[in-house]
Protein backbone atom coordinates (compact mmCIF):
# COMPACT_ATOMS: atom_id res chain seq x y z
CA MET A 1 -65.72 29.75 45.44
CA LYS A 2 -50.11 7.34 41.13
CA ALA A 3 -41.92 -19.66 33.07
CA SER A 4 -43.81 -18.07 36.01
CA ILE A 5 -44.20 -14.36 36.34
CA VAL A 6 -43.26 -12.69 39.63
CA ILE A 7 -44.49 -9.14 40.12
CA ALA A 8 -43.00 -6.75 42.66
CA SER A 9 -45.42 -6.39 45.58
CA ALA A 10 -48.12 -8.45 43.81
CA LEU A 11 -48.63 -11.28 41.33
CA ALA A 12 -49.95 -8.85 38.70
CA LEU A 13 -48.88 -5.82 36.74
CA VAL A 14 -48.74 -2.86 39.10
CA ALA A 15 -48.90 0.89 38.74
CA LEU A 16 -46.50 2.55 41.15
CA PRO A 17 -47.67 5.26 43.56
CA GLN A 18 -46.44 8.74 42.87
CA LEU A 19 -46.65 12.31 43.97
CA ALA A 20 -46.81 14.68 41.07
CA PRO A 21 -48.34 18.01 40.03
CA GLY A 22 -50.96 20.32 41.47
CA TYR A 23 -52.62 23.71 41.49
CA PRO A 24 -50.73 26.87 42.62
CA LEU A 25 -50.89 27.44 46.37
CA ASP A 26 -52.78 30.74 46.31
CA ALA A 27 -55.84 29.16 44.65
CA TYR A 28 -57.56 27.79 47.76
CA GLU A 29 -60.25 30.48 47.80
CA GLN A 30 -60.94 29.90 44.10
CA THR A 31 -61.03 26.11 44.19
CA GLY A 32 -61.73 24.98 47.74
CA MET A 33 -58.77 22.55 47.62
CA LEU A 34 -57.75 22.38 51.28
CA ARG A 35 -54.34 20.96 50.35
CA LEU A 36 -53.35 24.27 48.81
CA GLU A 37 -53.96 26.24 51.99
CA ALA A 38 -52.13 23.62 54.05
CA TYR A 39 -49.11 23.73 51.75
CA ARG A 40 -49.15 27.52 51.71
CA LEU A 41 -49.06 27.57 55.49
CA ALA A 42 -46.30 24.97 55.52
CA GLN A 43 -44.03 27.37 53.63
CA THR A 44 -44.32 29.80 56.57
CA GLY A 45 -43.89 27.15 59.26
CA LYS A 46 -47.48 27.35 60.51
CA VAL A 47 -48.25 23.77 59.43
CA LYS A 48 -45.87 20.83 59.38
CA GLY A 49 -45.33 19.88 55.77
CA ARG A 50 -43.03 19.74 52.79
CA LEU A 51 -40.95 22.79 51.95
CA LEU A 52 -41.35 23.42 48.24
CA PRO A 53 -38.58 24.52 45.88
CA PRO A 54 -38.74 27.99 44.33
CA GLY A 55 -40.23 26.71 41.09
CA ALA A 56 -43.23 25.27 42.93
CA GLN A 57 -44.31 28.56 44.48
CA LEU A 58 -45.76 30.50 41.55
CA LYS A 59 -49.06 32.31 41.98
CA SER A 60 -52.07 31.64 39.80
CA GLU A 61 -51.53 34.87 37.88
CA ASP A 62 -48.03 33.69 36.91
CA ILE A 63 -49.37 30.68 35.03
CA ALA A 64 -50.20 31.62 31.46
CA LEU A 65 -50.78 30.03 28.07
CA HIS A 66 -47.76 31.12 26.07
CA LEU A 67 -48.99 30.25 22.58
CA ILE A 68 -52.49 31.67 22.90
CA ASP A 69 -51.58 34.52 20.53
CA ARG A 70 -50.15 32.06 17.99
CA PRO A 71 -53.20 30.10 16.79
CA ASP A 72 -51.39 28.91 13.66
CA PHE A 73 -48.39 27.51 15.57
CA GLU A 74 -47.25 24.08 14.38
CA ILE A 75 -44.47 21.82 15.59
CA PRO A 76 -41.58 22.39 13.15
CA ALA A 77 -39.34 19.89 11.39
CA PRO A 78 -36.48 18.50 13.50
CA ASP A 79 -33.61 20.89 14.19
CA PRO A 80 -30.37 19.08 13.22
CA ALA A 81 -28.23 20.46 16.04
CA LEU A 82 -30.81 19.81 18.74
CA GLN A 83 -31.49 16.38 17.25
CA ASP A 84 -27.81 15.44 17.46
CA ALA A 85 -27.54 16.73 21.02
CA LEU A 86 -30.59 14.76 22.12
CA LEU A 87 -29.53 11.51 20.46
CA SER A 88 -26.07 11.77 22.02
CA LEU A 89 -27.66 11.39 25.46
CA LEU A 90 -29.43 8.09 24.82
CA GLY A 91 -26.42 5.82 24.40
CA GLU A 92 -26.61 2.06 24.00
CA ASP A 93 -30.19 1.89 25.29
CA ALA A 94 -31.55 4.23 22.60
CA ASP A 95 -34.00 1.62 21.33
CA GLY A 96 -35.65 1.62 24.75
CA TYR A 97 -36.59 5.31 24.52
CA ALA A 98 -39.25 7.25 22.67
CA ILE A 99 -38.92 10.99 23.09
CA ALA A 100 -40.22 14.25 21.62
CA MET A 101 -38.84 17.62 22.64
CA LEU A 102 -39.91 21.14 21.74
CA ASP A 103 -37.95 24.27 22.62
CA LEU A 104 -40.33 27.25 22.88
CA THR A 105 -37.88 29.68 24.45
CA ASP A 106 -38.23 31.79 21.32
CA PRO A 107 -41.73 30.87 20.07
CA ALA A 108 -41.03 32.64 16.80
CA LYS A 109 -38.13 30.23 16.24
CA PRO A 110 -39.15 26.94 17.87
CA ARG A 111 -36.85 23.93 17.77
CA TYR A 112 -37.97 20.31 17.70
CA ALA A 113 -36.08 17.04 18.18
CA ALA A 114 -37.28 13.47 18.56
CA HIS A 115 -36.38 9.80 18.69
CA ASN A 116 -39.04 7.16 17.99
CA PRO A 117 -41.76 9.84 18.37
CA GLU A 118 -44.48 7.57 16.93
CA LYS A 119 -43.66 4.58 19.14
CA ASP A 120 -46.54 3.88 21.50
CA GLN A 121 -46.89 2.21 24.87
CA ASN A 122 -49.38 2.12 27.71
CA PRO A 123 -49.33 5.62 29.24
CA GLY A 124 -50.06 4.49 32.81
CA SER A 125 -51.04 7.49 34.91
CA VAL A 126 -50.20 9.88 32.07
CA GLY A 127 -53.60 8.75 30.80
CA LYS A 128 -55.13 10.97 33.47
CA LEU A 129 -54.37 13.88 31.13
CA MET A 130 -56.99 12.44 28.79
CA VAL A 131 -59.47 12.11 31.66
CA GLY A 132 -58.95 15.80 32.44
CA LEU A 133 -59.55 16.77 28.82
CA ALA A 134 -62.72 14.66 28.67
CA TRP A 135 -64.04 16.22 31.86
CA PHE A 136 -63.54 19.80 30.71
CA GLN A 137 -64.99 19.01 27.29
CA ALA A 138 -68.15 17.60 28.87
CA LEU A 139 -68.37 20.61 31.16
CA ALA A 140 -68.02 23.03 28.24
CA ASP A 141 -70.67 21.14 26.29
CA VAL A 142 -73.18 21.79 29.08
CA TYR A 143 -72.09 25.40 29.71
CA PRO A 144 -70.53 26.52 26.40
CA ASP A 145 -70.71 30.26 27.05
CA ASP A 146 -70.83 30.39 30.85
CA THR A 147 -67.48 29.86 32.57
CA ALA A 148 -68.94 31.22 35.82
CA ALA A 149 -71.38 28.28 35.80
CA ARG A 150 -68.46 25.91 35.24
CA ASP A 151 -66.62 27.47 38.19
CA ALA A 152 -69.69 27.14 40.38
CA LEU A 153 -70.25 23.50 39.49
CA LEU A 154 -66.62 22.58 40.16
CA TYR A 155 -66.57 24.43 43.49
CA ASP A 156 -70.04 23.66 44.84
CA THR A 157 -70.51 20.03 43.75
CA HIS A 158 -69.32 17.64 46.45
CA HIS A 159 -69.00 13.89 46.14
CA ALA A 160 -68.41 11.25 48.81
CA ALA A 161 -66.16 8.39 47.75
CA ASP A 162 -68.12 5.28 46.80
CA ALA A 163 -67.37 1.79 45.48
CA PHE A 164 -65.64 3.14 42.35
CA ILE A 165 -62.51 3.76 44.47
CA ARG A 166 -61.92 0.04 45.09
CA TRP A 167 -59.03 -0.39 45.41
CA ASP A 168 -56.03 1.92 45.37
CA SER A 169 -52.89 2.35 47.47
CA HIS A 170 -52.02 5.89 46.32
CA LYS A 171 -52.04 8.31 49.24
CA VAL A 172 -53.61 11.76 49.04
CA PRO A 173 -53.30 14.73 51.41
CA PHE A 174 -55.99 15.39 54.02
CA TRP A 175 -56.10 18.56 56.10
CA GLN A 176 -58.66 20.74 57.82
CA PRO A 177 -58.21 24.33 59.05
CA GLY A 178 -56.66 24.18 62.50
CA ASP A 179 -54.78 20.91 61.89
CA SER A 180 -51.08 21.06 62.72
CA GLU A 181 -49.97 18.85 59.84
CA VAL A 182 -51.08 17.26 56.59
CA VAL A 183 -52.04 13.59 56.79
CA TYR A 184 -51.44 11.29 53.82
CA ARG A 185 -53.51 8.15 53.32
CA PRO A 186 -55.46 6.33 50.61
CA ILE A 187 -58.97 7.56 49.88
CA GLN A 188 -61.63 5.65 51.83
CA GLU A 189 -65.31 5.26 51.08
CA GLY A 190 -67.15 8.27 52.49
CA ASP A 191 -64.26 10.72 52.06
CA ASP A 192 -65.70 13.96 50.72
CA GLY A 193 -64.34 16.52 48.33
CA ASN A 194 -65.62 19.00 45.82
CA LEU A 195 -64.95 18.36 42.14
CA TRP A 196 -61.86 20.56 42.13
CA THR A 197 -60.47 18.42 44.97
CA TRP A 198 -61.19 15.18 43.12
CA LEU A 199 -59.43 16.56 40.03
CA ASP A 200 -56.48 17.61 42.17
CA TRP A 201 -56.26 14.20 43.86
CA MET A 202 -56.30 12.61 40.41
CA MET A 203 -53.50 14.81 39.05
CA SER A 204 -51.39 15.87 42.04
CA SER A 205 -51.32 12.56 43.94
CA SER A 206 -52.10 10.49 40.84
CA SER A 207 -54.73 8.66 42.85
CA ASN A 208 -56.35 5.86 40.83
CA ALA A 209 -59.33 6.04 43.18
CA ALA A 210 -59.75 9.73 42.39
CA ALA A 211 -59.33 9.11 38.65
CA SER A 212 -62.04 6.44 38.63
CA THR A 213 -64.28 8.75 40.66
CA VAL A 214 -63.79 11.56 38.12
CA MET A 215 -64.52 9.07 35.34
CA SER A 216 -67.74 7.92 37.01
CA GLN A 217 -68.79 11.55 37.35
CA LEU A 218 -67.87 12.06 33.69
CA VAL A 219 -70.36 9.33 32.77
CA LEU A 220 -73.03 11.04 34.89
CA LEU A 221 -72.30 14.49 33.45
CA SER A 222 -72.36 13.13 29.90
CA HIS A 223 -75.66 11.36 30.47
CA PHE A 224 -77.59 13.87 32.61
CA GLY A 225 -76.18 17.05 31.04
CA ALA A 226 -77.65 20.20 32.58
CA ASP A 227 -79.37 18.06 35.27
CA TYR A 228 -75.97 17.11 36.69
CA PRO A 229 -75.15 16.87 39.56
CA VAL A 230 -77.75 14.31 40.58
CA ALA A 231 -78.51 13.04 44.06
CA PRO A 232 -76.45 10.05 45.25
CA ASP A 233 -79.46 7.74 45.18
CA VAL A 234 -80.23 8.76 41.59
CA ALA A 235 -76.62 8.10 40.58
CA ALA A 236 -76.59 4.74 42.35
CA LYS A 237 -79.82 3.70 40.64
CA PHE A 238 -78.48 4.79 37.24
CA PHE A 239 -75.30 2.72 37.60
CA ALA A 240 -77.21 -0.28 38.99
CA GLU A 241 -80.00 -0.37 36.42
CA THR A 242 -78.32 0.78 33.21
CA PRO A 243 -77.05 -2.16 31.11
CA THR A 244 -73.30 -2.55 31.17
CA SER A 245 -73.13 -2.20 27.40
CA LYS A 246 -74.86 1.18 27.54
CA LEU A 247 -72.60 2.40 30.37
CA SER A 248 -69.58 1.37 28.29
CA SER A 249 -70.97 3.20 25.27
CA ILE A 250 -71.54 6.42 27.27
CA TYR A 251 -68.08 6.18 28.82
CA THR A 252 -66.24 5.39 25.58
CA LYS A 253 -67.86 8.30 23.77
CA ALA A 254 -67.17 10.66 26.69
CA ILE A 255 -63.49 9.69 27.04
CA GLN A 256 -62.53 9.35 23.36
CA THR A 257 -64.50 11.86 21.28
CA PRO A 258 -62.90 14.86 23.02
CA LEU A 259 -59.58 13.73 21.58
CA THR A 260 -60.79 13.77 17.99
CA ARG A 261 -62.84 16.93 18.54
CA ASN A 262 -59.67 18.66 19.68
CA GLY A 263 -57.59 17.51 16.72
CA LEU A 264 -55.79 14.62 18.40
CA ASP A 265 -55.44 11.11 16.97
CA VAL A 266 -57.31 8.57 19.11
CA ASN A 267 -55.24 5.81 17.51
CA LYS A 268 -52.11 7.38 19.01
CA LEU A 269 -53.46 8.81 22.26
CA ARG A 270 -56.27 7.39 24.35
CA GLN A 271 -57.22 6.28 27.84
CA GLY A 272 -59.24 3.13 27.42
CA SER A 273 -60.29 1.94 30.85
CA PHE A 274 -60.96 2.99 34.42
CA PHE A 275 -58.03 3.02 36.84
CA THR A 276 -59.55 0.77 39.52
CA ARG A 277 -60.70 -2.83 39.37
CA GLU A 278 -64.21 -1.86 40.47
CA GLY A 279 -64.44 0.76 37.76
CA LYS A 280 -63.26 -1.68 35.10
CA SER A 281 -65.79 -4.24 36.31
CA ARG A 282 -68.75 -1.86 36.33
CA ILE A 283 -67.93 0.00 33.13
CA PRO A 284 -65.65 -2.00 30.82
CA GLY A 285 -63.45 0.02 28.50
CA THR A 286 -60.76 -0.56 25.91
CA ASN A 287 -56.96 -0.43 25.82
CA SER A 288 -54.81 2.64 26.32
CA ALA A 289 -51.94 4.01 24.22
CA ALA A 290 -49.76 7.07 23.85
CA THR A 291 -46.94 8.26 21.62
CA PRO A 292 -44.49 11.03 22.51
CA LEU A 293 -45.49 13.15 19.52
CA GLU A 294 -49.21 13.00 20.23
CA LEU A 295 -48.65 13.84 23.90
CA LEU A 296 -46.49 16.76 22.77
CA ARG A 297 -49.32 17.90 20.48
CA TYR A 298 -51.68 17.73 23.49
CA ILE A 299 -49.43 20.11 25.46
CA VAL A 300 -48.97 22.44 22.47
CA LYS A 301 -52.75 22.65 22.02
CA MET A 302 -53.08 23.41 25.72
CA GLU A 303 -50.54 26.24 25.37
CA LYS A 304 -52.51 27.59 22.40
CA GLY A 305 -55.71 27.56 24.46
CA THR A 306 -57.38 25.17 22.03
CA LEU A 307 -57.90 22.17 24.30
CA VAL A 308 -61.65 22.77 24.40
CA ASP A 309 -61.23 26.52 24.95
CA PRO A 310 -58.90 28.94 26.80
CA TYR A 311 -60.72 28.43 30.11
CA SER A 312 -60.27 24.65 29.96
CA SER A 313 -56.69 24.84 28.69
CA LEU A 314 -55.66 27.11 31.54
CA ALA A 315 -57.47 24.95 34.11
CA LEU A 316 -55.63 21.88 32.81
CA LYS A 317 -52.28 23.66 32.89
CA ARG A 318 -52.85 24.75 36.48
CA LEU A 319 -53.88 21.22 37.44
CA ILE A 320 -50.55 19.83 36.22
CA TYR A 321 -48.48 22.67 37.74
CA LEU A 322 -46.15 20.85 40.09
CA SER A 323 -46.72 21.95 43.68
CA GLU A 324 -46.23 18.48 45.18
CA GLY A 325 -43.14 16.37 45.78
CA ARG A 326 -40.81 16.19 42.79
CA ILE A 327 -40.22 12.67 41.50
CA ARG A 328 -38.72 10.87 38.51
CA TYR A 329 -37.94 13.33 35.67
CA ALA A 330 -39.06 16.25 37.81
CA SER A 331 -36.67 15.37 40.65
CA SER A 332 -33.61 16.59 38.77
CA PRO A 333 -31.87 19.21 40.93
CA ALA A 334 -31.17 21.21 37.76
CA LEU A 335 -34.92 21.95 37.62
CA ARG A 336 -35.27 23.17 41.19
CA ARG A 337 -35.74 26.79 40.22
CA ALA A 338 -37.98 25.98 37.28
CA ALA A 339 -41.77 25.92 37.21
CA LEU A 340 -42.76 22.43 36.07
CA TYR A 341 -45.98 21.24 34.49
CA PHE A 342 -45.76 17.52 34.91
CA LYS A 343 -47.45 14.15 34.73
CA SER A 344 -45.83 10.76 34.92
CA GLY A 345 -46.87 7.15 35.07
CA SER A 346 -45.23 3.77 35.37
CA LEU A 347 -45.94 0.09 34.87
CA TYR A 348 -43.40 -2.64 35.49
CA SER A 349 -43.42 -6.43 35.66
CA CYS A 350 -40.85 -9.12 36.25
CA LYS A 351 -40.20 -12.81 35.66
CA GLU A 352 -37.80 -15.13 37.43
CA GLU A 353 -34.28 -14.70 36.09
CA PRO A 354 -31.01 -16.02 37.52
CA GLY A 355 -29.05 -13.25 39.19
CA PHE A 356 -31.84 -10.69 38.81
CA ARG A 357 -33.88 -9.22 41.63
CA CYS A 358 -37.02 -7.33 40.69
CA GLY A 359 -37.28 -3.84 42.15
CA LYS A 360 -39.12 -0.56 41.78
CA TYR A 361 -38.78 0.82 38.26
CA GLU A 362 -36.54 -2.13 37.32
CA GLY A 363 -38.76 -4.67 35.54
CA ASN A 364 -37.26 -7.29 33.23
CA VAL A 365 -40.49 -8.06 31.31
CA ARG A 366 -41.64 -4.49 30.93
CA ASN A 367 -40.33 -1.36 32.60
CA TYR A 368 -42.53 1.48 31.40
CA LEU A 369 -41.90 4.95 32.73
CA ASN A 370 -43.59 7.89 31.04
CA SER A 371 -42.98 11.57 31.75
CA VAL A 372 -44.61 14.65 30.27
CA THR A 373 -42.80 17.76 31.47
CA MET A 374 -42.98 21.42 30.52
CA VAL A 375 -40.14 23.47 31.99
CA GLU A 376 -40.36 27.23 32.47
CA THR A 377 -37.61 29.33 34.02
CA ASP A 378 -37.49 33.07 34.54
CA GLU A 379 -34.13 34.23 35.83
CA PRO A 380 -32.16 37.43 35.33
CA GLY A 381 -31.04 37.58 31.73
CA ARG A 382 -32.56 34.26 30.70
CA LYS A 383 -35.96 32.68 30.29
CA LEU A 384 -36.43 29.12 29.14
CA GLN A 385 -39.51 27.25 28.03
CA TYR A 386 -39.40 23.75 26.65
CA ILE A 387 -41.43 20.53 26.64
CA VAL A 388 -40.08 17.00 26.93
CA VAL A 389 -42.19 13.87 26.50
CA LEU A 390 -40.18 10.80 27.44
CA LEU A 391 -41.47 7.23 27.28
CA SER A 392 -38.97 4.56 28.26
CA ASN A 393 -38.86 0.79 28.47
CA VAL A 394 -35.27 0.05 29.43
CA LEU A 395 -35.25 -3.32 31.17
CA ARG A 396 -33.40 -4.12 34.42
CA LYS A 397 -32.33 -0.51 35.00
CA ASN A 398 -33.77 2.03 37.42
CA SER A 399 -35.93 4.07 35.06
CA ALA A 400 -36.63 6.76 37.67
CA GLN A 401 -32.90 7.46 37.96
CA ILE A 402 -32.55 7.39 34.15
CA HIS A 403 -35.31 9.98 33.71
CA LYS A 404 -33.72 12.14 36.40
CA GLN A 405 -30.34 12.02 34.69
CA LEU A 406 -31.80 12.77 31.25
CA ALA A 407 -33.68 15.73 32.74
CA THR A 408 -30.42 17.11 34.09
CA GLU A 409 -28.58 16.65 30.80
CA ILE A 410 -31.40 18.07 28.65
CA HIS A 411 -31.63 21.14 30.88
CA GLU A 412 -27.89 21.66 30.49
CA ILE A 413 -28.35 21.61 26.70
CA MET A 414 -31.09 24.24 27.00
CA GLU A 415 -28.91 26.44 29.19
CA ARG A 416 -25.97 26.01 26.80
CA ASP A 417 -28.09 26.91 23.79
CA HIS A 418 -29.64 29.95 25.50
CA PRO A 419 -26.80 31.64 27.42
CA PRO A 420 -27.88 34.36 29.85
CA GLY A 421 -27.43 38.02 29.24
CA GLU A 422 -26.40 38.34 32.87
CA VAL A 423 -25.81 35.92 35.73
CA SER A 424 -27.59 36.27 39.06
CA PRO A 425 -25.05 36.47 41.93
CA ASP A 426 -26.71 33.57 43.77
CA ARG A 427 -26.03 31.29 40.78
CA LYS A 428 -22.26 31.37 41.52
CA PRO A 429 -21.91 29.02 44.50
CA THR A 430 -18.85 27.09 45.56
CA LEU A 431 -19.50 23.47 46.34
CA ASP A 432 -18.62 23.81 50.02
CA ASP A 433 -20.18 27.13 51.05
CA GLY A 434 -23.11 25.46 52.86
CA SER A 435 -25.78 27.18 50.76
CA ASP A 436 -28.87 25.57 49.32
CA GLU A 437 -27.56 26.38 45.83
CA ALA A 438 -24.35 24.53 46.64
CA ALA A 439 -26.37 21.48 47.64
CA ILE A 440 -28.07 21.62 44.27
CA GLN A 441 -24.74 21.74 42.47
CA ARG A 442 -23.41 18.79 44.49
CA ALA A 443 -26.51 16.78 43.58
CA ILE A 444 -26.02 17.60 39.90
CA GLU A 445 -22.41 16.44 40.09
CA GLN A 446 -23.55 13.18 41.71
CA ILE A 447 -25.99 12.57 38.87
CA ARG A 448 -23.30 13.25 36.27
CA SER A 449 -21.06 10.67 37.93
CA GLY A 450 -23.85 8.10 38.07
CA GLU A 451 -24.21 8.20 41.86
CA PRO A 452 -27.68 8.27 43.49
CA ALA A 453 -28.49 11.83 44.51
CA ALA A 454 -30.69 12.90 47.41
CA PRO A 455 -33.98 14.55 46.36
CA VAL A 456 -33.18 18.24 46.37
CA ASP A 457 -36.75 19.23 47.25
CA GLU A 458 -36.12 17.61 50.65
CA ILE A 459 -33.07 19.73 51.41
CA ASN A 460 -33.81 21.76 54.55
CA SER A 461 -37.25 20.13 54.71
CA ASP A 462 -38.67 18.87 57.98
CA GLU A 463 -39.97 15.71 56.29
């Protein structure tokens, strides 16, 4: 068409910035997301920007819903062998993890393993998955049989950032045709984007400002229905003159009923409030929660095409396709070749403690890090598809490094359990041959030994 209490960087609980997923790079003409064209050009050297790993360069046509022909698919009982392999990775901190894993490599013989799968914690930015579901449900309710109308609304409807963005430090990409490089900065009032762009900023850069903007538009769409979009002055008047209690009622219904309508348990999976202080002030919400098993069920329903409908499920999958920088769980060098569908979120807080210094991802009061990752590989002789939902609260340890190490070890289990029929010649590097593949192998060895490893997606990058 991302005693006294001392919080890192602030005296309050903070959500850490992140770069995460995003739409495939060939979808600029379809969506109007300028970032996609900039990143596509960066891969050819025409724009200065991040060089993406092979798994981040799929085309739109390569992204499919793999369970859409299995409407009766259900998550099976735990597989004993996979369960033992998974539990062996968690070690002495096992109580600090909640994890659910589903191997779909052979969808006729799926394998499931879990540890504390019903344990819940605040999802942080993973809650933006629920915002996406609510948005596409509201859109389908207005245009139930007209996906072309949905496309047109998403592409043609522009919105300039308003007070709902206050305040957020997450940076998002800005670029215009002819620019020599992508600029990253927080969203400012007046910044314009179409609805696809706002959804992308919410998912790919995990911008809280973008999430609260999408949520404010969700309230408008839910209230005005087929009359949406409305003029800015009409929207401003609506938010100013509608009682707070009514705004909260509209919002709560719009954000929570899609979960139950799509067969999810709102007691185990919900996004309660806006992501910015201004949003929370204007439209109060409730608390948020997520369990690994219910997040896994969300992804399974997406793969079946039953999150709202196939159109919405595919749109959501493309929105979480990782074509941004790879962080946390997704930064494992073992996943470089894989296509990843990814969302993560973190919350950490600290208190004064002798001998302890608070740091990123290393809280000693709470140290939440949540990752939802679907891994798809397609190499000669072997295809893999599996989903891992990992919620952790391991105090005083770098949770980002822990997720990265677990990602590496889980992928090794998947490769061990699904040996290839043949091995591609470029998967036989020596560790000193100077190749990109050798750099990946060195990084994996560093992770195995517990050493910090350089982000592999920055190898040979000009950033």
